[in-house]
Structures are given as C-alpha cells and as structure tokens.
Protein backbone atom coordinates (compact mmCIF):
# COMPACT_ATOMS: atom_id res chain seq x y z
CA MET A 1 -4.77 16.37 -31.46
CA LYS A 2 -2.31 14.15 -29.66
CA ASP A 3 -3.36 10.49 -29.73
CA ILE A 4 -0.28 8.44 -28.75
CA LEU A 5 1.24 7.88 -25.32
CA LEU A 6 4.94 7.15 -24.89
CA ILE A 7 5.04 5.08 -21.69
CA VAL A 8 7.87 5.39 -19.17
CA GLY A 9 7.72 2.73 -16.46
CA ASN A 10 7.72 -1.02 -15.86
CA GLY A 11 5.07 -1.45 -13.16
CA LYS A 12 1.45 -2.58 -13.24
CA LEU A 13 0.02 0.70 -14.53
CA ALA A 14 2.62 1.01 -17.30
CA THR A 15 2.02 -2.60 -18.33
CA PHE A 16 -1.74 -2.04 -18.37
CA PHE A 17 -1.38 0.97 -20.67
CA LEU A 18 0.98 -0.86 -23.01
CA HIS A 19 -1.41 -3.81 -23.35
CA SER A 20 -4.60 -1.77 -23.65
CA HIS A 21 -6.64 -1.70 -26.86
CA ASP A 22 -8.32 1.57 -25.82
CA ILE A 23 -5.36 3.83 -26.59
CA LYS A 24 -2.27 3.92 -28.82
CA THR A 25 0.97 3.45 -26.89
CA LEU A 26 4.69 2.92 -27.32
CA SER A 27 7.21 2.00 -24.65
CA PHE A 28 10.04 4.41 -23.89
CA ASP A 29 12.43 1.84 -25.35
CA GLN A 30 10.78 2.61 -28.71
CA LYS A 31 11.17 6.38 -28.42
CA GLU A 32 13.10 6.60 -31.69
CA LEU A 33 9.88 5.52 -33.48
CA VAL A 34 7.61 8.24 -32.13
CA ASP A 35 5.87 10.91 -34.15
CA VAL A 36 6.63 13.88 -31.90
CA ASN A 37 3.66 15.83 -33.27
CA SER A 38 1.16 13.18 -32.16
CA THR A 39 2.73 11.95 -28.93
CA VAL A 40 2.59 12.77 -25.23
CA LEU A 41 4.98 11.15 -22.77
CA LEU A 42 3.33 9.42 -19.79
CA HIS A 43 5.60 8.79 -16.81
CA CYS A 44 4.23 6.14 -14.45
CA GLY A 45 7.47 4.63 -13.19
CA SER A 46 9.45 4.69 -9.96
CA GLY A 47 11.33 7.85 -10.89
CA ARG A 48 14.49 6.10 -12.04
CA GLN A 49 13.96 7.34 -15.62
CA LEU A 50 12.34 10.65 -14.71
CA ASP A 51 15.33 12.85 -15.58
CA GLU A 52 15.77 11.06 -18.91
CA ALA A 53 12.06 11.51 -19.66
CA LEU A 54 12.21 15.23 -18.82
CA ASP A 55 15.27 15.71 -21.03
CA PHE A 56 13.52 13.90 -23.89
CA CYS A 57 10.45 16.13 -23.59
CA LYS A 58 12.62 19.24 -23.44
CA SER A 59 14.50 18.21 -26.59
CA TYR A 60 11.31 17.70 -28.62
CA GLN A 61 8.99 20.11 -26.78
CA MET A 62 6.79 17.11 -26.10
CA PRO A 63 4.04 17.47 -23.46
CA MET A 64 4.33 15.17 -20.48
CA ILE A 65 1.90 13.62 -18.01
CA GLN A 66 3.45 12.56 -14.71
CA ALA A 67 1.22 9.82 -13.26
CA SER A 68 3.44 8.24 -10.63
CA THR A 69 2.51 8.57 -6.95
CA SER A 70 6.12 8.19 -5.82
CA VAL A 71 7.80 11.28 -7.28
CA ASN A 72 7.61 15.00 -6.50
CA ILE A 73 7.97 17.38 -9.46
CA GLN A 74 6.13 20.48 -8.28
CA ASP A 75 9.32 22.57 -8.11
CA ILE A 76 10.50 21.65 -11.62
CA GLU A 77 10.67 24.47 -14.17
CA VAL A 78 9.92 23.37 -17.74
CA ASP A 79 9.26 24.95 -21.14
CA PHE A 80 6.62 22.41 -22.21
CA PRO A 81 3.24 21.40 -20.72
CA LEU A 82 3.89 19.14 -17.71
CA VAL A 83 0.72 17.82 -16.08
CA ASP A 84 1.23 16.33 -12.62
CA ALA A 85 -1.47 13.67 -12.30
CA PRO A 86 -0.66 11.13 -9.57
CA ASN A 87 -4.28 10.05 -9.96
CA LEU A 88 -5.69 9.84 -13.49
CA SER A 89 -9.26 8.97 -12.49
CA ILE A 90 -11.17 12.16 -13.28
CA PRO A 91 -14.36 11.23 -11.34
CA ILE A 92 -12.28 10.56 -8.21
CA LEU A 93 -10.49 13.89 -8.60
CA ARG A 94 -13.80 15.72 -9.00
CA PHE A 95 -15.07 14.07 -5.82
CA LEU A 96 -11.94 15.09 -3.91
CA GLN A 97 -12.45 18.65 -5.11
CA GLU A 98 -16.02 18.66 -3.77
CA LEU A 99 -14.87 17.01 -0.55
CA LYS A 100 -12.83 20.12 0.22
CA HIS A 101 -16.08 22.09 0.37
CA LEU A 102 -17.93 19.38 2.30
CA SER A 103 -15.19 19.21 4.90
CA LYS A 104 -16.05 22.72 6.08
CA SER A 105 -19.70 21.77 6.63
CA PHE A 106 -18.75 18.65 8.59
CA ALA A 107 -15.80 20.10 10.51
CA SER A 108 -17.39 19.28 13.89
CA SER A 109 -18.50 15.75 12.94
CA ASN A 110 -16.77 12.52 13.90
CA LYS A 111 -15.10 11.05 10.83
CA THR A 112 -14.10 7.55 9.77
CA ILE A 113 -12.02 6.73 6.70
CA LYS A 114 -11.82 3.16 5.46
CA GLU A 115 -9.99 1.93 2.36
CA SER A 116 -9.58 -1.38 0.54
CA HIS A 117 -6.89 -2.32 -1.98
CA GLN A 118 -5.23 -5.51 -3.20
CA SER A 119 -3.67 -7.64 -0.46
CA THR A 120 -0.12 -7.03 -1.75
CA LYS A 121 -0.34 -3.26 -1.25
CA THR A 122 1.75 -2.24 1.76
CA SER A 123 2.24 1.50 1.21
CA PRO A 124 -0.48 3.97 2.29
CA PRO A 125 -2.81 4.65 -0.67
CA LYS A 126 -2.31 8.16 -2.02
CA THR A 127 -6.04 8.82 -2.33
CA ALA A 128 -6.70 7.77 1.26
CA LEU A 129 -3.94 10.09 2.45
CA MET A 130 -5.43 12.94 0.42
CA ILE A 131 -8.85 12.31 1.95
CA ALA A 132 -7.34 12.27 5.45
CA ASP A 133 -5.52 15.53 4.75
CA ILE A 134 -8.69 17.21 3.46
CA LEU A 135 -10.70 16.07 6.50
CA GLN A 136 -7.84 16.74 8.93
CA VAL A 137 -7.79 13.13 10.09
CA HIS A 138 -4.43 11.66 11.12
CA GLU A 139 -3.26 8.98 8.70
CA ASP A 140 -2.91 6.49 11.58
CA GLN A 141 -6.70 6.56 11.89
CA ILE A 142 -7.27 5.27 8.35
CA ILE A 143 -8.75 1.77 8.48
CA SER A 144 -7.13 -0.45 5.83
CA VAL A 145 -8.71 -3.68 4.62
CA ARG A 146 -6.48 -6.21 2.84
CA GLU A 147 -8.04 -9.61 3.61
CA PRO A 148 -9.77 -10.94 0.44
CA ILE A 149 -12.55 -12.65 2.40
CA VAL A 150 -13.40 -9.42 4.22
CA GLN A 151 -13.22 -7.47 0.96
CA GLU A 152 -15.70 -9.84 -0.70
CA GLU A 153 -18.12 -9.84 2.24
CA GLU A 154 -17.95 -6.20 3.35
CA PHE A 155 -17.46 -4.43 0.03
CA ASN A 156 -18.97 -7.00 -2.38
CA ILE A 157 -15.83 -6.97 -4.52
CA PRO A 158 -16.01 -9.51 -7.37
CA LYS A 159 -13.28 -12.14 -7.20
CA GLU A 160 -11.79 -11.00 -10.52
CA TYR A 161 -11.09 -7.55 -9.04
CA LEU A 162 -9.60 -8.56 -5.69
CA ASN A 163 -6.14 -7.81 -7.13
CA SER A 164 -7.20 -4.63 -8.93
CA HIS A 165 -9.56 -2.39 -7.00
CA ALA A 166 -9.60 0.79 -4.94
CA ILE A 167 -12.39 1.54 -2.48
CA HIS A 168 -12.60 4.50 -0.12
CA GLU A 169 -15.43 4.95 2.36
CA ILE A 170 -15.95 8.11 4.40
CA GLU A 171 -18.45 8.33 7.25
CA PHE A 172 -19.52 11.50 9.03
CA PHE A 173 -21.36 10.99 12.32
CA GLU A 174 -23.04 13.69 14.37
CA GLU A 175 -26.19 13.97 16.52
CA ASP A 176 -27.28 10.37 15.85
CA VAL A 177 -26.98 10.90 12.10
CA SER A 178 -24.56 8.95 9.90
CA ILE A 179 -23.70 10.11 6.36
CA THR A 180 -21.50 7.91 4.16
CA PHE A 181 -19.67 8.61 0.90
CA LYS A 182 -18.03 5.79 -1.04
CA THR A 183 -15.79 5.69 -4.09
CA GLN A 184 -15.31 2.40 -5.91
CA VAL A 185 -12.88 1.64 -8.73
CA PHE A 186 -12.66 -1.81 -10.30
CA GLY A 187 -9.78 -2.36 -12.71
CA LYS A 188 -7.63 0.35 -14.29
CA ARG A 189 -9.65 1.48 -17.31
CA THR A 190 -10.62 4.73 -15.55
CA TYR A 191 -6.95 5.78 -15.72
CA ILE A 192 -6.87 5.28 -19.49
CA LEU A 193 -10.05 7.33 -19.88
CA GLY A 194 -8.47 10.08 -17.79
CA ALA A 195 -5.31 10.03 -19.90
CA LYS A 196 -7.40 10.28 -23.07
CA LYS A 197 -9.13 13.39 -21.70
CA LEU A 198 -5.74 14.95 -21.05
CA LEU A 199 -4.63 14.09 -24.59
CA GLY A 200 -7.63 16.01 -25.87
CA ILE A 201 -6.67 19.29 -24.17
CA ILE A 202 -2.92 19.17 -23.67
CA ASP A 203 -2.13 21.08 -26.89
CA ASN A 204 -4.00 24.06 -25.42
CA LEU A 205 -2.19 24.07 -22.07
CA PRO A 206 0.59 26.53 -21.19
CA ALA A 207 4.23 25.46 -21.22
CA ARG A 208 4.69 25.06 -17.47
CA TYR A 209 4.03 22.77 -14.52
CA ILE A 210 0.29 22.20 -14.03
CA HIS A 211 -1.26 20.06 -11.31
CA ILE A 212 -4.28 18.16 -12.55
CA SER A 213 -6.40 19.66 -9.76
CA GLU A 214 -5.98 23.04 -11.49
CA LEU A 215 -7.62 21.58 -14.60
CA ILE A 216 -10.48 20.19 -12.49
CA GLU A 217 -11.01 23.53 -10.74
CA ASN A 218 -11.13 25.37 -14.06
CA GLY A 219 -13.57 22.88 -15.58
CA LEU A 220 -11.18 21.85 -18.34
CA ILE A 221 -11.67 18.12 -17.72
C-alpha cells in the first residue's frame, strides 16, 4: 500500500501536509529521494508546477491526487490513476452527495446559504459554490461572514480556529417550517484523513482521470 505523499505546492495546505505528524511526506524539491513504489504525488499548488508534476507521474507511473481548487484537469488524458479531489474532506463530500437528493425534495422551498471562512479569504469558497449550484441558488445570494467578532458570536468558533475554519449553513424555509443543515470544519486535519483514505485504495484504481465524487458514489471511500 502507498504510504508517502510527494507534495507539490507552497501554500497553506501544502505547508500543513509537510509539517504534519499524521502522514509521511516529502516536498517536490526532494523528488529524487522518493520510493516510487510507496509514493503518491499530491498537487495542492497554484498550477504553476502542474505540468511538471504530470510529467513526473507519467515517467514513473506514479498515482496522483489533484487537491487544488484553482486548476481544471478534467479533460486531461493520463495512463496512471489521477484523482481530482479539490476537496479532501470525505464527510463533506458525502454530505454534498446527499444534498443532491435533498435538493429535489426542497425544490420549491426558499433557500439561504451562509458561509464563514478566515478573514483573509477573498475568493468565493469552492464548497459554497458547489452548494449553490446543487440548490440552483445564484452565487451572489451566498452570505459570506468574515468578521472575527461575528464568527465567534454567531458560529461559536474558538479563537484558535478563526484563521482555519470552514462553516456552511443551509436553511430551507417553507410553510412556516425552517430546516437547517450545517457543516463545520476546524483546522485542516480532515484533509489529511481524506488523503490517507485515498492512499489506501489508489493502487486498485484504473489508470485514468477519476473525480473523487465517483469514488463517493461507488462507496469506495
């Protein structure tokens, strides 16, 4: 079984993986040290090194997990397992899968989507956009909360997670009845746990592009 991640990227998620004690990692700068039989490449960068990462995986037939939210690889043809996982939190992905079914039952309801992330985040959160797409709500209607005081008071976010959290709240309202669903992620450990689950099955995946939602639908993770 694969048990090492070769990390491509320099951002917060890449840094978190490289400093984690929960999983074995190497940076892409150390690629000459990898044991290709035990390693999976994890791309979580801006895309600047994506072509180099793909070429490296092709050369060694190394499986790859693409975990960046800022690149589009769905049209890429490969001869190794390439899992497209812009969100590595398996529980969140399972919820989004179920939300697709729920959306049909609540198609006539009024819907509100609210999200909270660290104050420095300026781009629309990928998960919030996915929720809006599933519920057919225009992205301009997503309510974003970035003020730390509001986050503490409204969402009870501990101070230590104000700079590392992701909360999404969905409310359906119809006939004087309100139904609320809420997802809450503190820290980034859920992404490591998701990556470890992929490591456990990636040797059994076909040599092609695979979106992580396909693995969820088939009950593989």
